């Protein structure tokens, strides 16, 4: 399942992957892999991303059963 919440938050902040990567000190490819759920970021990186996007860990990274069920239905 892709991390659509992170991508949406990034777009809402008018940032592309490169902008977010520079803001948190990683590569654009890493942002892409996180959004595609092909990379499991450290807690430190997650909090840096949240600060850069003005979101909480729950907003971007918490998965609950309801969100998972809705994604599977679509």
PDB file of N, CA and C in Angstrom:
ATOM      1  N   UNK A   1       0.851  -1.178   0.000  1.00  0.00           N
ATOM      2  CA  UNK A   1       0.000   0.000   0.000  1.00  0.00           C
ATOM      3  C   UNK A   1       0.893   1.236   0.000  1.00  0.00           C
ATOM      4  N   UNK A   2       0.637   2.148  -0.890  1.00  0.00           N
ATOM      5  CA  UNK A   2       1.432   3.362  -0.985  1.00  0.00           C
ATOM      6  C   UNK A   2       1.117   4.329   0.143  1.00  0.00           C
ATOM      7  N   UNK A   3       2.096   5.167   0.459  1.00  0.00           N
ATOM      8  CA  UNK A   3       1.889   6.182   1.491  1.00  0.00           C
ATOM      9  C   UNK A   3       1.307   7.428   0.822  1.00  0.00           C
ATOM     10  N   UNK A   4       0.018   7.355   0.531  1.00  0.00           N
ATOM     11  CA  UNK A   4      -0.662   8.462  -0.132  1.00  0.00           C
ATOM     12  C   UNK A   4      -0.772   9.683   0.771  1.00  0.00           C
ATOM     13  N   UNK A   5      -0.882   9.451   2.077  1.00  0.00           N
ATOM     14  CA  UNK A   5      -1.016  10.588   2.996  1.00  0.00           C
ATOM     15  C   UNK A   5       0.233  11.462   2.981  1.00  0.00           C
ATOM     16  N   UNK A   6       1.396  10.843   2.905  1.00  0.00           N
ATOM     17  CA  UNK A   6       2.632  11.620   2.854  1.00  0.00           C
ATOM     18  C   UNK A   6       2.722  12.389   1.536  1.00  0.00           C
ATOM     19  N   UNK A   7       2.372  11.741   0.449  1.00  0.00           N
ATOM     20  CA  UNK A   7       2.417  12.401  -0.859  1.00  0.00           C
ATOM     21  C   UNK A   7       1.443  13.576  -0.904  1.00  0.00           C
ATOM     22  N   UNK A   8       0.248  13.382  -0.392  1.00  0.00           N
ATOM     23  CA  UNK A   8      -0.750  14.461  -0.386  1.00  0.00           C
ATOM     24  C   UNK A   8      -0.272  15.621   0.470  1.00  0.00           C
ATOM     25  N   UNK A   9       0.275  15.322   1.644  1.00  0.00           N
ATOM     26  CA  UNK A   9       0.783  16.377   2.532  1.00  0.00           C
ATOM     27  C   UNK A   9       1.915  17.146   1.857  1.00  0.00           C
ATOM     28  N   UNK A  10       2.776  16.437   1.141  1.00  0.00           N
ATOM     29  CA  UNK A  10       3.885  17.080   0.421  1.00  0.00           C
ATOM     30  C   UNK A  10       3.353  18.017  -0.662  1.00  0.00           C
ATOM     31  N   UNK A  11       2.376  17.555  -1.407  1.00  0.00           N
ATOM     32  CA  UNK A  11       1.791  18.369  -2.476  1.00  0.00           C
ATOM     33  C   UNK A  11       1.061  19.579  -1.891  1.00  0.00           C
ATOM     34  N   UNK A  12       0.369  19.387  -0.761  1.00  0.00           N
ATOM     35  CA  UNK A  12      -0.322  20.497  -0.098  1.00  0.00           C
ATOM     36  C   UNK A  12       0.659  21.574   0.348  1.00  0.00           C
ATOM     37  N   UNK A  13       1.891  21.164   0.650  1.00  0.00           N
ATOM     38  CA  UNK A  13       2.935  22.125   1.037  1.00  0.00           C
ATOM     39  C   UNK A  13       3.661  22.687  -0.183  1.00  0.00           C
ATOM     40  N   UNK A  14       3.151  22.371  -1.368  1.00  0.00           N
ATOM     41  CA  UNK A  14       3.733  22.826  -2.632  1.00  0.00           C
ATOM     42  C   UNK A  14       5.201  22.417  -2.742  1.00  0.00           C
ATOM     43  N   UNK A  15       5.456  21.166  -2.376  1.00  0.00           N
ATOM     44  CA  UNK A  15       6.809  20.614  -2.445  1.00  0.00           C
ATOM     45  C   UNK A  15       6.825  19.426  -3.393  1.00  0.00           C
ATOM     46  N   UNK A  16       7.906  19.309  -4.145  1.00  0.00           N
ATOM     47  CA  UNK A  16       8.110  18.085  -4.898  1.00  0.00           C
ATOM     48  C   UNK A  16       9.005  17.171  -4.065  1.00  0.00           C
ATOM     49  N   UNK A  17       9.292  15.982  -4.570  1.00  0.00           N
ATOM     50  CA  UNK A  17      10.106  15.044  -3.799  1.00  0.00           C
ATOM     51  C   UNK A  17      11.493  15.606  -3.512  1.00  0.00           C
ATOM     52  N   UNK A  18      12.058  16.307  -4.461  1.00  0.00           N
ATOM     53  CA  UNK A  18      13.389  16.897  -4.285  1.00  0.00           C
ATOM     54  C   UNK A  18      13.384  17.940  -3.165  1.00  0.00           C
ATOM     55  N   UNK A  19      12.346  18.780  -3.131  1.00  0.00           N
ATOM     56  CA  UNK A  19      12.246  19.805  -2.077  1.00  0.00           C
ATOM     57  C   UNK A  19      12.187  19.169  -0.690  1.00  0.00           C
ATOM     58  N   UNK A  20      11.355  18.152  -0.549  1.00  0.00           N
ATOM     59  CA  UNK A  20      11.225  17.485   0.746  1.00  0.00           C
ATOM     60  C   UNK A  20      12.526  16.784   1.117  1.00  0.00           C
ATOM     61  N   UNK A  21      13.139  16.151   0.156  1.00  0.00           N
ATOM     62  CA  UNK A  21      14.403  15.462   0.412  1.00  0.00           C
ATOM     63  C   UNK A  21      15.464  16.434   0.934  1.00  0.00           C
ATOM     64  N   UNK A  22      15.576  17.594   0.305  1.00  0.00           N
ATOM     65  CA  UNK A  22      16.541  18.598   0.758  1.00  0.00           C
ATOM     66  C   UNK A  22      16.200  19.096   2.160  1.00  0.00           C
ATOM     67  N   UNK A  23      14.909  19.255   2.440  1.00  0.00           N
ATOM     68  CA  UNK A  23      14.483  19.762   3.746  1.00  0.00           C
ATOM     69  C   UNK A  23      14.849  18.808   4.884  1.00  0.00           C
ATOM     70  N   UNK A  24      14.885  17.511   4.593  1.00  0.00           N
ATOM     71  CA  UNK A  24      15.179  16.537   5.645  1.00  0.00           C
ATOM     72  C   UNK A  24      16.559  15.894   5.500  1.00  0.00           C
ATOM     73  N   UNK A  25      17.306  16.270   4.476  1.00  0.00           N
ATOM     74  CA  UNK A  25      18.679  15.810   4.332  1.00  0.00           C
ATOM     75  C   UNK A  25      18.849  14.400   3.797  1.00  0.00           C
ATOM     76  N   UNK A  26      17.965  14.004   2.871  1.00  0.00           N
ATOM     77  CA  UNK A  26      18.090  12.701   2.226  1.00  0.00           C
ATOM     78  C   UNK A  26      17.962  12.875   0.718  1.00  0.00           C
ATOM     79  N   UNK A  27      17.949  11.786  -0.027  1.00  0.00           N
ATOM     80  CA  UNK A  27      17.830  11.870  -1.479  1.00  0.00           C
ATOM     81  C   UNK A  27      16.369  11.834  -1.923  1.00  0.00           C
ATOM     82  N   UNK A  28      16.134  12.340  -3.120  1.00  0.00           N
ATOM     83  CA  UNK A  28      14.794  12.290  -3.709  1.00  0.00           C
ATOM     84  C   UNK A  28      14.346  10.848  -3.874  1.00  0.00           C
ATOM     85  N   UNK A  29      15.282   9.969  -4.213  1.00  0.00           N
ATOM     86  CA  UNK A  29      14.945   8.564  -4.406  1.00  0.00           C
ATOM     87  C   UNK A  29      14.403   7.940  -3.118  1.00  0.00           C
ATOM     88  N   UNK A  30      14.958   8.348  -1.984  1.00  0.00           N
ATOM     89  CA  UNK A  30      14.474   7.821  -0.700  1.00  0.00           C
ATOM     90  C   UNK A  30      13.041   8.262  -0.444  1.00  0.00           C
ATOM     91  N   UNK A  31      12.734   9.520  -0.742  1.00  0.00           N
ATOM     92  CA  UNK A  31      11.345   9.996  -0.599  1.00  0.00           C
ATOM     93  C   UNK A  31      10.429   9.168  -1.484  1.00  0.00           C
ATOM     94  N   UNK A  32      10.828   8.944  -2.713  1.00  0.00           N
ATOM     95  CA  UNK A  32      10.027   8.132  -3.632  1.00  0.00           C
ATOM     96  C   UNK A  32       9.805   6.721  -3.114  1.00  0.00           C
ATOM     97  N   UNK A  33      10.845   6.133  -2.539  1.00  0.00           N
ATOM     98  CA  UNK A  33      10.723   4.773  -2.008  1.00  0.00           C
ATOM     99  C   UNK A  33       9.822   4.737  -0.776  1.00  0.00           C
ATOM    100  N   UNK A  34       9.874   5.780   0.062  1.00  0.00           N
ATOM    101  CA  UNK A  34       8.978   5.842   1.226  1.00  0.00           C
ATOM    102  C   UNK A  34       7.534   5.951   0.750  1.00  0.00           C
ATOM    103  N   UNK A  35       7.286   6.822  -0.214  1.00  0.00           N
ATOM    104  CA  UNK A  35       5.921   6.993  -0.730  1.00  0.00           C
ATOM    105  C   UNK A  35       5.406   5.727  -1.402  1.00  0.00           C
ATOM    106  N   UNK A  36       6.304   4.944  -1.986  1.00  0.00           N
ATOM    107  CA  UNK A  36       5.909   3.694  -2.647  1.00  0.00           C
ATOM    108  C   UNK A  36       5.895   2.516  -1.670  1.00  0.00           C
ATOM    109  N   UNK A  37       6.221   2.786  -0.405  1.00  0.00           N
ATOM    110  CA  UNK A  37       6.312   1.755   0.635  1.00  0.00           C
ATOM    111  C   UNK A  37       7.352   0.688   0.308  1.00  0.00           C
ATOM    112  N   UNK A  38       8.440   1.119  -0.321  1.00  0.00           N
ATOM    113  CA  UNK A  38       9.553   0.221  -0.603  1.00  0.00           C
ATOM    114  C   UNK A  38      10.724   0.470   0.332  1.00  0.00           C
ATOM    115  N   UNK A  39      10.531   1.352   1.307  1.00  0.00           N
ATOM    116  CA  UNK A  39      11.580   1.685   2.267  1.00  0.00           C
ATOM    117  C   UNK A  39      10.923   2.011   3.585  1.00  0.00           C
ATOM    118  N   UNK A  40      11.444   1.437   4.651  1.00  0.00           N
ATOM    119  CA  UNK A  40      10.898   1.670   5.981  1.00  0.00           C
ATOM    120  C   UNK A  40      11.795   2.680   6.703  1.00  0.00           C
ATOM    121  N   UNK A  41      11.374   3.943   6.783  1.00  0.00           N
ATOM    122  CA  UNK A  41      12.232   4.970   7.373  1.00  0.00           C
ATOM    123  C   UNK A  41      12.368   4.822   8.888  1.00  0.00           C
ATOM    124  N   UNK A  42      13.481   5.320   9.400  1.00  0.00           N
ATOM    125  CA  UNK A  42      13.689   5.325  10.850  1.00  0.00           C
ATOM    126  C   UNK A  42      12.719   6.304  11.499  1.00  0.00           C
ATOM    127  N   UNK A  43      12.556   6.162  12.791  1.00  0.00           N
ATOM    128  CA  UNK A  43      11.690   7.088  13.532  1.00  0.00           C
ATOM    129  C   UNK A  43      12.221   8.514  13.405  1.00  0.00           C
ATOM    130  N   UNK A  44      13.536   8.667  13.451  1.00  0.00           N
ATOM    131  CA  UNK A  44      14.150   9.994  13.315  1.00  0.00           C
ATOM    132  C   UNK A  44      13.794  10.611  11.965  1.00  0.00           C
ATOM    133  N   UNK A  45      13.868   9.831  10.900  1.00  0.00           N
ATOM    134  CA  UNK A  45      13.521  10.343   9.575  1.00  0.00           C
ATOM    135  C   UNK A  45      12.029  10.654   9.492  1.00  0.00           C
ATOM    136  N   UNK A  46      11.206   9.796  10.067  1.00  0.00           N
ATOM    137  CA  UNK A  46       9.758  10.050  10.069  1.00  0.00           C
ATOM    138  C   UNK A  46       9.431  11.373  10.756  1.00  0.00           C
ATOM    139  N   UNK A  47      10.060  11.623  11.904  1.00  0.00           N
ATOM    140  CA  UNK A  47       9.775  12.872  12.616  1.00  0.00           C
ATOM    141  C   UNK A  47      10.292  14.070  11.830  1.00  0.00           C
ATOM    142  N   UNK A  48      11.407  13.935  11.137  1.00  0.00           N
ATOM    143  CA  UNK A  48      11.919  15.032  10.302  1.00  0.00           C
ATOM    144  C   UNK A  48      10.958  15.342   9.164  1.00  0.00           C
ATOM    145  N   UNK A  49      10.433  14.303   8.546  1.00  0.00           N
ATOM    146  CA  UNK A  49       9.462  14.485   7.460  1.00  0.00           C
ATOM    147  C   UNK A  49       8.207  15.165   8.005  1.00  0.00           C
ATOM    148  N   UNK A  50       7.734  14.718   9.152  1.00  0.00           N
ATOM    149  CA  UNK A  50       6.542  15.317   9.755  1.00  0.00           C
ATOM    150  C   UNK A  50       6.754  16.798  10.046  1.00  0.00           C
ATOM    151  N   UNK A  51       7.902  17.154  10.596  1.00  0.00           N
ATOM    152  CA  UNK A  51       8.195  18.558  10.885  1.00  0.00           C
ATOM    153  C   UNK A  51       8.227  19.377   9.604  1.00  0.00           C
ATOM    154  N   UNK A  52       8.844  18.837   8.567  1.00  0.00           N
ATOM    155  CA  UNK A  52       8.942  19.558   7.292  1.00  0.00           C
ATOM    156  C   UNK A  52       7.571  19.779   6.663  1.00  0.00           C
ATOM    157  N   UNK A  53       6.650  18.848   6.898  1.00  0.00           N
ATOM    158  CA  UNK A  53       5.317  18.935   6.299  1.00  0.00           C
ATOM    159  C   UNK A  53       4.261  19.488   7.247  1.00  0.00           C
ATOM    160  N   UNK A  54       4.640  19.762   8.494  1.00  0.00           N
ATOM    161  CA  UNK A  54       3.683  20.293   9.463  1.00  0.00           C
ATOM    162  C   UNK A  54       2.619  19.293   9.852  1.00  0.00           C
ATOM    163  N   UNK A  55       2.989  18.032   9.927  1.00  0.00           N
ATOM    164  CA  UNK A  55       2.052  16.957  10.271  1.00  0.00           C
ATOM    165  C   UNK A  55       2.580  16.170  11.459  1.00  0.00           C
ATOM    166  N   UNK A  56       1.741  15.302  12.009  1.00  0.00           N
ATOM    167  CA  UNK A  56       2.156  14.428  13.097  1.00  0.00           C
ATOM    168  C   UNK A  56       2.492  13.050  12.536  1.00  0.00           C
ATOM    169  N   UNK A  57       3.136  12.250  13.360  1.00  0.00           N
ATOM    170  CA  UNK A  57       3.417  10.868  12.959  1.00  0.00           C
ATOM    171  C   UNK A  57       2.117  10.128  12.637  1.00  0.00           C
ATOM    172  N   UNK A  58       1.097  10.350  13.455  1.00  0.00           N
ATOM    173  CA  UNK A  58      -0.199   9.704  13.195  1.00  0.00           C
ATOM    174  C   UNK A  58      -0.779  10.131  11.851  1.00  0.00           C
ATOM    175  N   UNK A  59      -0.633  11.411  11.512  1.00  0.00           N
ATOM    176  CA  UNK A  59      -1.173  11.910  10.249  1.00  0.00           C
ATOM    177  C   UNK A  59      -0.573  11.174   9.050  1.00  0.00           C
ATOM    178  N   UNK A  60       0.722  10.917   9.103  1.00  0.00           N
ATOM    179  CA  UNK A  60       1.418  10.404   7.924  1.00  0.00           C
ATOM    180  C   UNK A  60       1.745   8.915   7.954  1.00  0.00           C
ATOM    181  N   UNK A  61       1.985   8.364   9.126  1.00  0.00           N
ATOM    182  CA  UNK A  61       2.537   7.017   9.156  1.00  0.00           C
ATOM    183  C   UNK A  61       1.716   5.981   9.906  1.00  0.00           C
ATOM    184  N   UNK A  62       0.709   6.390  10.666  1.00  0.00           N
ATOM    185  CA  UNK A  62      -0.064   5.419  11.426  1.00  0.00           C
ATOM    186  C   UNK A  62      -1.064   4.729  10.526  1.00  0.00           C
ATOM    187  N   UNK A  63      -1.048   3.412  10.547  1.00  0.00           N
ATOM    188  CA  UNK A  63      -2.020   2.636   9.774  1.00  0.00           C
ATOM    189  C   UNK A  63      -2.980   1.988  10.740  1.00  0.00           C
ATOM    190  N   UNK A  64      -4.259   2.211  10.524  1.00  0.00           N
ATOM    191  CA  UNK A  64      -5.240   1.511  11.348  1.00  0.00           C
ATOM    192  C   UNK A  64      -6.058   0.593  10.456  1.00  0.00           C
ATOM    193  N   UNK A  65      -6.828  -0.270  11.066  1.00  0.00           N
ATOM    194  CA  UNK A  65      -7.595  -1.254  10.312  1.00  0.00           C
ATOM    195  C   UNK A  65      -8.569  -0.607   9.348  1.00  0.00           C
ATOM    196  N   UNK A  66      -9.183   0.521   9.731  1.00  0.00           N
ATOM    197  CA  UNK A  66     -10.153   1.176   8.855  1.00  0.00           C
ATOM    198  C   UNK A  66      -9.494   1.686   7.584  1.00  0.00           C
ATOM    199  N   UNK A  67      -8.326   2.327   7.700  1.00  0.00           N
ATOM    200  CA  UNK A  67      -7.624   2.833   6.521  1.00  0.00           C
ATOM    201  C   UNK A  67      -7.210   1.678   5.606  1.00  0.00           C
ATOM    202  N   UNK A  68      -6.720   0.590   6.177  1.00  0.00           N
ATOM    203  CA  UNK A  68      -6.299  -0.553   5.382  1.00  0.00           C
ATOM    204  C   UNK A  68      -7.482  -1.166   4.647  1.00  0.00           C
ATOM    205  N   UNK A  69      -8.627  -1.287   5.312  1.00  0.00           N
ATOM    206  CA  UNK A  69      -9.815  -1.866   4.671  1.00  0.00           C
ATOM    207  C   UNK A  69     -10.296  -0.979   3.531  1.00  0.00           C
ATOM    208  N   UNK A  70     -10.295   0.359   3.740  1.00  0.00           N
ATOM    209  CA  UNK A  70     -10.732   1.275   2.699  1.00  0.00           C
ATOM    210  C   UNK A  70      -9.824   1.184   1.478  1.00  0.00           C
ATOM    211  N   UNK A  71      -8.505   1.082   1.691  1.00  0.00           N
ATOM    212  CA  UNK A  71      -7.564   0.984   0.584  1.00  0.00           C
ATOM    213  C   UNK A  71      -7.772  -0.305  -0.199  1.00  0.00           C
ATOM    214  N   UNK A  72      -8.064  -1.411   0.484  1.00  0.00           N
ATOM    215  CA  UNK A  72      -8.242  -2.677  -0.184  1.00  0.00           C
ATOM    216  C   UNK A  72      -9.522  -2.692  -1.018  1.00  0.00           C
ATOM    217  N   UNK A  73     -10.538  -1.962  -0.577  1.00  0.00           N
ATOM    218  CA  UNK A  73     -11.805  -1.896  -1.296  1.00  0.00           C
ATOM    219  C   UNK A  73     -11.630  -1.149  -2.616  1.00  0.00           C
ATOM    220  N   UNK A  74     -10.819  -0.119  -2.615  1.00  0.00           N
ATOM    221  CA  UNK A  74     -10.635   0.721  -3.811  1.00  0.00           C
ATOM    222  C   UNK A  74      -9.879   0.014  -4.838  1.00  0.00           C
TER     223      UNK A  74
END
